[in-house]
N, C-alpha and C. Protein backbone atom coordinates (compact mmCIF):
# COMPACT_ATOMS: atom_id res chain seq x y z
N MET A 1 20.20 -9.23 -25.30
CA MET A 1 18.87 -9.24 -24.66
C MET A 1 18.67 -8.55 -23.33
N LYS A 2 17.86 -7.26 -23.22
CA LYS A 2 17.89 -6.71 -21.86
C LYS A 2 16.21 -6.81 -21.44
N LEU A 3 16.32 -7.42 -20.28
CA LEU A 3 15.25 -7.67 -19.87
C LEU A 3 14.68 -6.21 -18.68
N ARG A 4 13.48 -5.93 -18.51
CA ARG A 4 12.70 -4.99 -17.61
C ARG A 4 13.08 -5.61 -16.25
N SER A 5 13.41 -4.67 -15.35
CA SER A 5 13.27 -5.08 -13.79
C SER A 5 11.90 -5.28 -13.65
N VAL A 6 11.67 -6.22 -12.62
CA VAL A 6 10.48 -6.87 -11.91
C VAL A 6 9.51 -5.80 -11.83
N GLU A 7 9.84 -4.68 -11.10
CA GLU A 7 9.14 -3.61 -11.18
C GLU A 7 8.43 -2.95 -12.05
N GLU A 8 9.19 -2.97 -13.22
CA GLU A 8 8.36 -2.22 -14.35
C GLU A 8 7.70 -3.48 -15.04
N GLN A 9 7.41 -4.41 -14.74
CA GLN A 9 6.99 -5.58 -15.45
C GLN A 9 5.44 -5.81 -14.66
N ARG A 10 4.93 -4.95 -13.74
CA ARG A 10 3.67 -5.10 -13.15
C ARG A 10 2.64 -5.29 -14.31
N SER A 11 1.60 -6.33 -13.84
CA SER A 11 0.61 -6.40 -14.65
C SER A 11 -0.23 -4.98 -14.97
N LEU A 12 -1.04 -5.09 -15.91
CA LEU A 12 -1.76 -3.88 -15.89
C LEU A 12 -2.97 -3.68 -14.58
N ARG A 13 -3.38 -5.02 -14.04
CA ARG A 13 -4.44 -5.00 -13.15
C ARG A 13 -3.41 -4.40 -11.91
N GLU A 14 -2.13 -4.78 -11.50
CA GLU A 14 -1.52 -4.49 -10.44
C GLU A 14 -1.15 -2.92 -10.51
N GLN A 15 -0.81 -1.97 -11.60
CA GLN A 15 -0.83 -0.78 -12.01
C GLN A 15 -2.04 -0.28 -11.62
N VAL A 16 -3.03 -0.75 -12.06
CA VAL A 16 -4.16 -0.01 -11.59
C VAL A 16 -4.66 -0.01 -10.19
N SER A 17 -4.25 -1.39 -9.78
CA SER A 17 -4.42 -1.41 -8.15
C SER A 17 -3.62 -0.39 -7.30
N HIS A 18 -2.47 -0.35 -7.61
CA HIS A 18 -1.44 0.98 -7.33
C HIS A 18 -2.02 2.13 -7.41
N ALA A 19 -2.76 2.39 -8.48
CA ALA A 19 -3.29 3.76 -8.67
C ALA A 19 -4.46 4.06 -7.91
N LEU A 20 -5.47 3.01 -7.75
CA LEU A 20 -6.28 3.14 -6.99
C LEU A 20 -6.06 3.32 -5.34
N ARG A 21 -5.16 2.46 -5.19
CA ARG A 21 -4.85 2.47 -3.73
C ARG A 21 -4.27 4.15 -3.43
N ALA A 22 -3.52 4.47 -4.25
CA ALA A 22 -2.94 5.85 -4.31
C ALA A 22 -4.13 6.84 -4.19
N ALA A 23 -5.11 6.64 -4.84
CA ALA A 23 -6.32 7.48 -4.84
C ALA A 23 -7.03 7.42 -3.66
N LEU A 24 -6.99 6.32 -2.95
CA LEU A 24 -7.59 6.18 -1.77
C LEU A 24 -6.97 6.95 -0.72
N VAL A 25 -5.50 6.54 -0.64
CA VAL A 25 -4.92 7.44 0.31
C VAL A 25 -4.79 8.86 0.26
N ALA A 26 -5.02 9.65 -1.37
CA ALA A 26 -4.93 10.88 -1.59
C ALA A 26 -6.22 11.43 -1.18
N GLY A 27 -7.23 10.73 -0.87
CA GLY A 27 -8.55 11.08 -0.69
C GLY A 27 -9.61 11.21 -2.05
N GLU A 28 -9.03 11.14 -2.96
CA GLU A 28 -9.52 11.33 -4.43
C GLU A 28 -10.60 10.22 -4.55
N LEU A 29 -10.90 9.04 -3.99
CA LEU A 29 -11.86 8.17 -3.89
C LEU A 29 -12.48 8.22 -2.42
N ARG A 30 -13.70 8.78 -2.45
CA ARG A 30 -14.27 9.14 -1.03
C ARG A 30 -15.14 7.97 -0.63
N PRO A 31 -14.96 7.89 0.68
CA PRO A 31 -15.90 6.92 1.57
C PRO A 31 -17.28 7.03 1.17
N GLY A 32 -18.11 5.92 1.16
CA GLY A 32 -19.41 5.96 0.79
C GLY A 32 -19.76 6.05 -0.72
N ILE A 33 -19.01 6.59 -1.44
CA ILE A 33 -19.55 6.83 -2.87
C ILE A 33 -19.14 5.52 -3.54
N VAL A 34 -20.41 5.33 -4.64
CA VAL A 34 -20.05 4.23 -5.38
C VAL A 34 -19.46 4.65 -6.58
N TYR A 35 -18.40 3.82 -7.03
CA TYR A 35 -17.81 4.03 -8.41
C TYR A 35 -17.91 2.90 -9.16
N SER A 36 -17.99 3.33 -10.31
CA SER A 36 -18.29 1.98 -11.44
C SER A 36 -16.88 1.69 -12.06
N ALA A 37 -16.82 0.84 -12.35
CA ALA A 37 -15.68 0.11 -13.14
C ALA A 37 -15.18 0.60 -14.46
N PRO A 38 -16.31 1.11 -15.37
CA PRO A 38 -16.18 1.83 -16.69
C PRO A 38 -15.83 3.22 -16.46
N LEU A 39 -16.33 3.80 -15.59
CA LEU A 39 -16.04 5.31 -15.14
C LEU A 39 -14.53 5.29 -14.64
N LEU A 40 -14.10 4.58 -13.89
CA LEU A 40 -12.82 4.63 -13.33
C LEU A 40 -11.79 3.96 -14.44
N ALA A 41 -12.23 3.03 -15.46
CA ALA A 41 -11.47 2.71 -16.59
C ALA A 41 -11.23 3.84 -17.52
N ALA A 42 -12.19 4.59 -17.43
CA ALA A 42 -11.97 5.93 -18.42
C ALA A 42 -11.00 6.80 -17.95
N GLU A 43 -11.12 6.87 -16.56
CA GLU A 43 -10.21 8.00 -15.72
C GLU A 43 -8.71 7.28 -16.29
N PHE A 44 -8.69 6.10 -15.99
CA PHE A 44 -7.48 5.58 -16.34
C PHE A 44 -6.88 5.43 -17.80
N GLY A 45 -7.56 5.59 -18.74
CA GLY A 45 -7.47 5.03 -20.15
C GLY A 45 -7.21 3.57 -20.40
N VAL A 46 -7.95 2.66 -19.56
CA VAL A 46 -7.71 1.17 -19.85
C VAL A 46 -9.15 0.66 -19.91
N SER A 47 -9.18 -0.49 -20.28
CA SER A 47 -10.49 -1.23 -20.27
C SER A 47 -11.11 -1.26 -18.71
N ALA A 48 -12.53 -1.89 -18.44
CA ALA A 48 -12.76 -1.80 -17.38
C ALA A 48 -12.51 -3.41 -16.89
N THR A 49 -11.87 -4.30 -17.46
CA THR A 49 -11.67 -5.52 -16.86
C THR A 49 -10.30 -5.31 -15.65
N PRO A 50 -9.28 -4.93 -16.01
CA PRO A 50 -8.17 -4.88 -15.04
C PRO A 50 -8.56 -3.87 -13.96
N VAL A 51 -9.62 -2.83 -14.05
CA VAL A 51 -10.11 -2.07 -12.96
C VAL A 51 -10.90 -3.04 -11.99
N ARG A 52 -11.84 -3.61 -12.99
CA ARG A 52 -12.82 -4.60 -11.98
C ARG A 52 -11.79 -5.68 -11.26
N GLU A 53 -10.91 -6.08 -11.59
CA GLU A 53 -10.06 -7.13 -11.01
C GLU A 53 -9.19 -6.57 -9.94
N ALA A 54 -8.75 -5.15 -10.03
CA ALA A 54 -8.11 -4.65 -9.14
C ALA A 54 -9.29 -4.14 -7.62
N MET A 55 -10.27 -3.91 -8.34
CA MET A 55 -11.30 -3.33 -7.14
C MET A 55 -11.78 -4.36 -6.44
N LEU A 56 -11.80 -5.52 -7.18
CA LEU A 56 -12.23 -7.14 -6.46
C LEU A 56 -11.01 -7.47 -5.39
N ASN A 57 -9.74 -7.03 -5.49
CA ASN A 57 -8.87 -7.47 -4.68
C ASN A 57 -8.74 -6.30 -3.44
N LEU A 58 -9.25 -5.25 -3.91
CA LEU A 58 -9.12 -4.23 -2.77
C LEU A 58 -10.57 -4.75 -1.87
N ALA A 59 -11.31 -5.15 -2.45
CA ALA A 59 -12.76 -5.54 -1.64
C ALA A 59 -12.03 -6.75 -0.61
N LYS A 60 -11.66 -7.56 -1.11
CA LYS A 60 -10.91 -8.78 -0.39
C LYS A 60 -10.19 -8.01 0.88
N GLU A 61 -9.32 -7.03 0.57
CA GLU A 61 -8.85 -6.29 1.67
C GLU A 61 -9.55 -5.53 2.68
N GLY A 62 -10.93 -5.43 2.25
CA GLY A 62 -11.96 -4.51 3.01
C GLY A 62 -11.77 -2.93 3.06
N LEU A 63 -11.28 -2.60 1.85
CA LEU A 63 -10.97 -1.08 1.67
C LEU A 63 -12.13 -0.51 0.51
N VAL A 64 -12.82 -1.74 -0.14
CA VAL A 64 -14.12 -1.19 -0.72
C VAL A 64 -14.93 -2.40 -0.53
N GLU A 65 -16.08 -2.20 -1.04
CA GLU A 65 -17.22 -3.37 -1.06
C GLU A 65 -17.87 -3.30 -2.14
N VAL A 66 -18.21 -4.50 -2.68
CA VAL A 66 -18.91 -4.86 -3.94
C VAL A 66 -20.29 -4.40 -3.88
N VAL A 67 -20.84 -3.41 -4.83
CA VAL A 67 -22.31 -3.09 -4.89
C VAL A 67 -22.87 -3.65 -5.94
N ARG A 68 -23.68 -4.60 -5.73
CA ARG A 68 -24.19 -5.50 -7.03
C ARG A 68 -24.86 -4.63 -8.16
N ASN A 69 -24.29 -4.71 -9.34
CA ASN A 69 -24.86 -4.01 -10.69
C ASN A 69 -24.44 -2.84 -10.56
N LYS A 70 -23.57 -2.16 -9.68
CA LYS A 70 -23.21 -0.61 -9.84
C LYS A 70 -21.90 -0.40 -9.62
N GLY A 71 -21.25 -1.42 -9.04
CA GLY A 71 -19.70 -0.77 -8.78
C GLY A 71 -19.15 -0.97 -7.35
N PHE A 72 -18.44 -0.40 -7.11
CA PHE A 72 -17.66 -0.24 -5.92
C PHE A 72 -18.05 0.69 -4.80
N ARG A 73 -18.40 0.56 -3.39
CA ARG A 73 -18.23 1.81 -2.46
C ARG A 73 -17.21 1.83 -1.73
N VAL A 74 -16.42 2.83 -1.38
CA VAL A 74 -15.38 3.01 -0.69
C VAL A 74 -15.63 2.47 0.96
N THR A 75 -15.06 1.70 1.60
CA THR A 75 -15.25 1.55 3.02
C THR A 75 -15.01 2.86 3.75
N GLU A 76 -15.59 3.12 4.82
CA GLU A 76 -15.41 4.05 5.77
C GLU A 76 -14.68 3.43 6.89
N LEU A 77 -13.51 3.45 7.31
CA LEU A 77 -12.98 3.29 8.35
C LEU A 77 -13.36 4.30 9.88
N SER A 78 -13.73 3.76 10.75
CA SER A 78 -14.09 4.37 11.81
C SER A 78 -12.65 4.74 12.66
N GLU A 79 -12.83 5.67 13.58
CA GLU A 79 -11.81 6.04 14.52
C GLU A 79 -11.26 4.85 15.29
N ALA A 80 -12.26 3.95 15.89
CA ALA A 80 -11.61 2.51 16.50
C ALA A 80 -11.04 1.75 15.58
N ASP A 81 -11.59 1.63 14.17
CA ASP A 81 -10.81 0.68 13.58
C ASP A 81 -9.56 0.95 13.23
N LEU A 82 -9.25 2.50 12.99
CA LEU A 82 -7.91 2.93 12.80
C LEU A 82 -6.86 2.75 14.20
N ASP A 83 -7.66 2.93 15.23
CA ASP A 83 -7.03 2.69 16.48
C ASP A 83 -6.97 1.30 16.80
N ASP A 84 -7.46 0.36 16.35
CA ASP A 84 -7.28 -1.03 16.35
C ASP A 84 -5.88 -1.45 15.48
N PHE A 85 -5.98 -1.05 13.93
CA PHE A 85 -4.86 -1.38 13.31
C PHE A 85 -3.63 -0.73 13.92
N THR A 86 -3.53 0.33 14.41
CA THR A 86 -2.47 1.04 15.04
C THR A 86 -1.95 0.25 16.11
N GLU A 87 -2.91 -0.52 17.05
CA GLU A 87 -2.41 -0.84 18.20
C GLU A 87 -1.90 -2.56 17.77
N ILE A 88 -2.28 -3.02 16.74
CA ILE A 88 -1.67 -4.27 16.08
C ILE A 88 -0.45 -4.05 15.31
N ARG A 89 -0.41 -3.05 14.51
CA ARG A 89 1.05 -2.65 13.99
C ARG A 89 1.95 -2.55 15.35
N ALA A 90 1.58 -1.87 16.61
CA ALA A 90 2.55 -1.47 17.43
C ALA A 90 3.17 -2.82 18.03
N LEU A 91 1.83 -3.80 18.25
CA LEU A 91 2.26 -4.95 18.94
C LEU A 91 3.29 -5.81 18.00
N VAL A 92 3.12 -5.69 16.79
CA VAL A 92 4.00 -6.48 15.90
C VAL A 92 5.28 -5.89 15.61
N GLU A 93 5.26 -4.43 15.18
CA GLU A 93 6.56 -3.87 14.56
C GLU A 93 7.45 -3.42 15.54
N VAL A 94 7.12 -2.98 16.72
CA VAL A 94 7.88 -2.50 17.77
C VAL A 94 9.01 -3.23 18.19
N PRO A 95 8.57 -4.64 18.55
CA PRO A 95 9.42 -5.63 19.09
C PRO A 95 10.42 -6.18 18.12
N THR A 96 9.59 -6.24 16.79
CA THR A 96 10.44 -6.51 15.53
C THR A 96 11.74 -5.68 15.62
N VAL A 97 11.34 -4.52 15.21
CA VAL A 97 12.33 -3.37 15.21
C VAL A 97 13.44 -3.30 16.14
N ALA A 98 12.81 -3.24 17.35
CA ALA A 98 13.70 -3.13 18.45
C ALA A 98 14.98 -4.45 18.32
N ARG A 99 14.53 -5.62 18.02
CA ARG A 99 15.31 -6.59 17.61
C ARG A 99 16.15 -6.58 16.59
N ILE A 100 15.83 -5.99 15.47
CA ILE A 100 16.78 -5.64 14.49
C ILE A 100 17.65 -4.52 14.55
N ALA A 101 17.34 -3.53 15.50
CA ALA A 101 18.19 -2.55 16.04
C ALA A 101 19.29 -3.14 16.73
N ARG A 102 18.89 -3.96 17.63
CA ARG A 102 20.31 -4.75 18.29
C ARG A 102 21.22 -5.68 17.47
N THR A 103 20.50 -6.25 16.60
CA THR A 103 21.37 -7.26 15.83
C THR A 103 21.71 -7.05 14.28
N ALA A 104 21.26 -5.75 13.83
CA ALA A 104 21.39 -5.70 12.33
C ALA A 104 22.84 -4.96 12.23
N SER A 105 23.42 -5.28 11.02
CA SER A 105 25.03 -4.63 10.73
C SER A 105 24.60 -3.50 10.23
N ARG A 106 25.61 -2.72 10.20
CA ARG A 106 25.46 -1.25 9.27
C ARG A 106 25.32 -1.63 7.96
N GLU A 107 25.94 -2.74 7.34
CA GLU A 107 25.92 -2.90 5.89
C GLU A 107 24.31 -3.60 5.72
N GLN A 108 23.87 -4.14 6.73
CA GLN A 108 22.19 -4.53 6.59
C GLN A 108 21.23 -3.40 6.42
N LEU A 109 21.68 -2.41 7.16
CA LEU A 109 20.76 -1.15 7.31
C LEU A 109 21.15 -0.17 6.43
N GLU A 110 22.24 -0.13 5.67
CA GLU A 110 22.63 0.57 4.66
C GLU A 110 21.60 1.00 3.56
N PRO A 111 20.85 -0.25 3.02
CA PRO A 111 19.85 0.05 1.85
C PRO A 111 18.50 0.81 2.34
N LEU A 112 18.57 1.00 3.61
CA LEU A 112 17.26 1.81 4.13
C LEU A 112 17.50 3.25 4.15
N ARG A 113 18.88 3.53 3.74
CA ARG A 113 18.94 4.91 3.77
C ARG A 113 18.45 5.74 2.44
N PRO A 114 18.56 5.21 1.32
CA PRO A 114 17.68 5.93 0.39
C PRO A 114 16.41 5.88 0.40
N LEU A 115 15.82 4.93 1.30
CA LEU A 115 14.17 4.76 1.30
C LEU A 115 13.77 5.87 2.29
N ALA A 116 14.59 6.14 3.30
CA ALA A 116 14.69 7.27 4.32
C ALA A 116 14.47 8.50 3.61
N LYS A 117 15.46 8.57 2.78
CA LYS A 117 15.42 9.88 1.97
C LYS A 117 14.29 10.36 1.10
N ALA A 118 13.94 9.16 0.70
CA ALA A 118 12.75 9.17 -0.29
C ALA A 118 11.39 9.83 0.49
N ILE A 119 11.40 9.36 1.85
CA ILE A 119 10.17 9.67 2.49
C ILE A 119 10.38 11.23 3.06
N VAL A 120 11.80 11.63 3.37
CA VAL A 120 11.77 13.11 3.57
C VAL A 120 11.30 13.92 2.46
N ALA A 121 11.89 13.40 1.40
CA ALA A 121 11.85 14.57 0.13
C ALA A 121 10.30 14.31 -0.10
N ALA A 122 9.65 13.31 -0.15
CA ALA A 122 8.17 13.41 -0.38
C ALA A 122 7.31 14.34 0.66
N ALA A 123 7.91 14.18 1.75
CA ALA A 123 7.24 15.23 2.91
C ALA A 123 7.59 16.65 2.51
N ARG A 124 8.61 16.77 2.16
CA ARG A 124 9.17 18.36 1.73
C ARG A 124 8.34 18.77 0.72
N ARG A 125 7.92 17.84 -0.37
CA ARG A 125 7.33 18.32 -1.35
C ARG A 125 5.61 18.27 -1.10
N ARG A 126 5.31 17.75 -0.11
CA ARG A 126 3.86 17.55 0.54
C ARG A 126 3.38 16.62 -0.59
N ASP A 127 3.70 15.66 -1.04
CA ASP A 127 3.38 14.57 -1.88
C ASP A 127 2.95 13.40 -0.99
N VAL A 128 1.63 13.42 -0.82
CA VAL A 128 1.03 12.19 0.31
C VAL A 128 1.10 10.96 -0.44
N ILE A 129 1.04 11.02 -1.83
CA ILE A 129 1.01 9.46 -2.13
C ILE A 129 2.58 8.95 -2.26
N LYS A 130 3.29 9.84 -2.60
CA LYS A 130 4.93 9.50 -2.78
C LYS A 130 5.58 9.13 -1.40
N TYR A 131 4.88 10.00 -0.21
CA TYR A 131 5.32 9.55 1.05
C TYR A 131 4.66 8.26 1.51
N VAL A 132 3.21 8.14 1.39
CA VAL A 132 3.11 6.94 1.79
C VAL A 132 3.61 5.67 1.18
N ASP A 133 3.87 5.93 -0.25
CA ASP A 133 4.62 4.61 -0.83
C ASP A 133 5.87 4.50 -0.32
N ALA A 134 6.69 5.48 -0.20
CA ALA A 134 8.04 5.33 0.35
C ALA A 134 7.83 4.79 1.94
N ASP A 135 7.12 5.42 2.62
CA ASP A 135 7.14 4.83 3.75
C ASP A 135 6.89 3.47 3.98
N HIS A 136 6.00 3.02 3.23
CA HIS A 136 5.25 1.56 3.17
C HIS A 136 6.47 0.75 2.58
N ARG A 137 7.52 1.06 1.79
CA ARG A 137 8.53 0.31 1.35
C ARG A 137 9.69 0.22 2.33
N PHE A 138 9.85 1.34 2.95
CA PHE A 138 10.78 1.45 4.04
C PHE A 138 10.62 0.55 5.05
N HIS A 139 9.34 0.52 5.48
CA HIS A 139 9.06 -0.38 6.79
C HIS A 139 8.91 -1.86 6.25
N LEU A 140 8.70 -2.10 5.09
CA LEU A 140 8.71 -3.55 4.86
C LEU A 140 9.98 -3.99 4.59
N GLU A 141 11.07 -3.25 3.93
CA GLU A 141 12.24 -3.60 4.07
C GLU A 141 13.03 -3.76 5.32
N LEU A 142 12.56 -2.68 6.42
CA LEU A 142 13.16 -2.76 7.59
C LEU A 142 12.79 -4.07 8.35
N VAL A 143 11.35 -4.52 8.25
CA VAL A 143 10.97 -5.57 8.94
C VAL A 143 11.49 -6.72 8.16
N GLY A 144 11.88 -6.79 7.16
CA GLY A 144 12.56 -7.97 6.27
C GLY A 144 13.57 -8.29 6.91
N LEU A 145 14.44 -7.21 7.66
CA LEU A 145 15.85 -7.72 7.91
C LEU A 145 15.64 -8.68 9.17
N ALA A 146 14.48 -8.83 9.48
CA ALA A 146 14.05 -9.73 10.72
C ALA A 146 14.25 -11.16 10.29
N GLY A 147 14.04 -11.37 8.62
CA GLY A 147 14.37 -12.69 8.04
C GLY A 147 12.86 -13.63 8.39
N ASN A 148 11.88 -12.76 8.23
CA ASN A 148 10.73 -13.75 8.40
C ASN A 148 9.55 -13.23 7.38
N PRO A 149 9.73 -13.94 6.41
CA PRO A 149 8.85 -13.38 5.13
C PRO A 149 7.25 -13.30 5.35
N HIS A 150 6.75 -14.31 6.64
CA HIS A 150 5.60 -14.15 7.01
C HIS A 150 5.04 -12.94 7.57
N LEU A 151 6.15 -12.41 8.36
CA LEU A 151 6.02 -11.08 9.03
C LEU A 151 5.91 -10.12 8.47
N VAL A 152 6.71 -10.00 7.13
CA VAL A 152 6.68 -9.16 6.23
C VAL A 152 5.49 -8.95 5.56
N ARG A 153 4.70 -10.01 5.07
CA ARG A 153 3.33 -10.31 4.54
C ARG A 153 2.32 -9.63 5.50
N VAL A 154 2.32 -10.03 6.71
CA VAL A 154 1.54 -9.29 7.86
C VAL A 154 1.49 -8.31 7.70
N VAL A 155 2.80 -7.35 8.01
CA VAL A 155 2.60 -5.96 8.10
C VAL A 155 2.65 -5.28 6.80
N GLY A 156 2.87 -5.94 5.96
CA GLY A 156 2.30 -5.18 4.41
C GLY A 156 0.89 -5.21 4.53
N ASP A 157 0.15 -6.21 4.86
CA ASP A 157 -1.19 -6.20 5.00
C ASP A 157 -1.94 -5.30 5.67
N LEU A 158 -1.40 -5.13 7.15
CA LEU A 158 -1.74 -4.09 8.07
C LEU A 158 -1.39 -2.52 7.52
N ARG A 159 -0.37 -2.32 6.86
CA ARG A 159 -0.14 -0.95 6.28
C ARG A 159 -0.70 -0.71 5.09
N LYS A 160 -1.39 -1.49 4.57
CA LYS A 160 -2.03 -1.52 3.42
C LYS A 160 -3.70 -0.62 4.06
N ARG A 161 -3.73 -0.54 5.07
CA ARG A 161 -5.27 -0.10 5.53
C ARG A 161 -5.17 1.11 6.22
C-alpha cells in the first residue's frame, strides 16, 4: 500500500481556500466587489459548497465579508491596517529570529535552504503567488525552530493578511 503525503491529501475546501487566497494575493479578486459562491465554483470547476465553506473561513480571518443572499465581498485593507500588521509581525518575529540565529545549529537551519531557493526562483519568474507561498512556508519553518507551536500559529495568522 502506498499512501499519499499529507500535503496531497488536502480536502477540496482546503484546496479551494488555497486557490482563493492565491487569487486575493495576485489581485484577481478585487476589494469591494461581491463574488458569489456559484460563480467562483464554476471558475474552479467544483460545487458551490466547498467554495462557500472556504469563503466563510476567509471571512473569519477578516479577508472577506459575507453579503447576505449575494455572496462575499473582498475586504479592503487600509495603509494603516497594513502598517499595524507589519508592526505586530516585527514585534513577534524579529526577536524570535534573533534568538534562533544565536541558538540554531547548521543541521536545524539546513531545511530552510530549499525554501529560500524557492523564494528566489519565484521572484526571478515574477510569480507572485508562488513567491508568497514559498515566503510563507519559509517564515513558518524558521519560526518553528523556536519550538513554540503557538508562536507558529500566531505568525501564520498574521502572514495570511
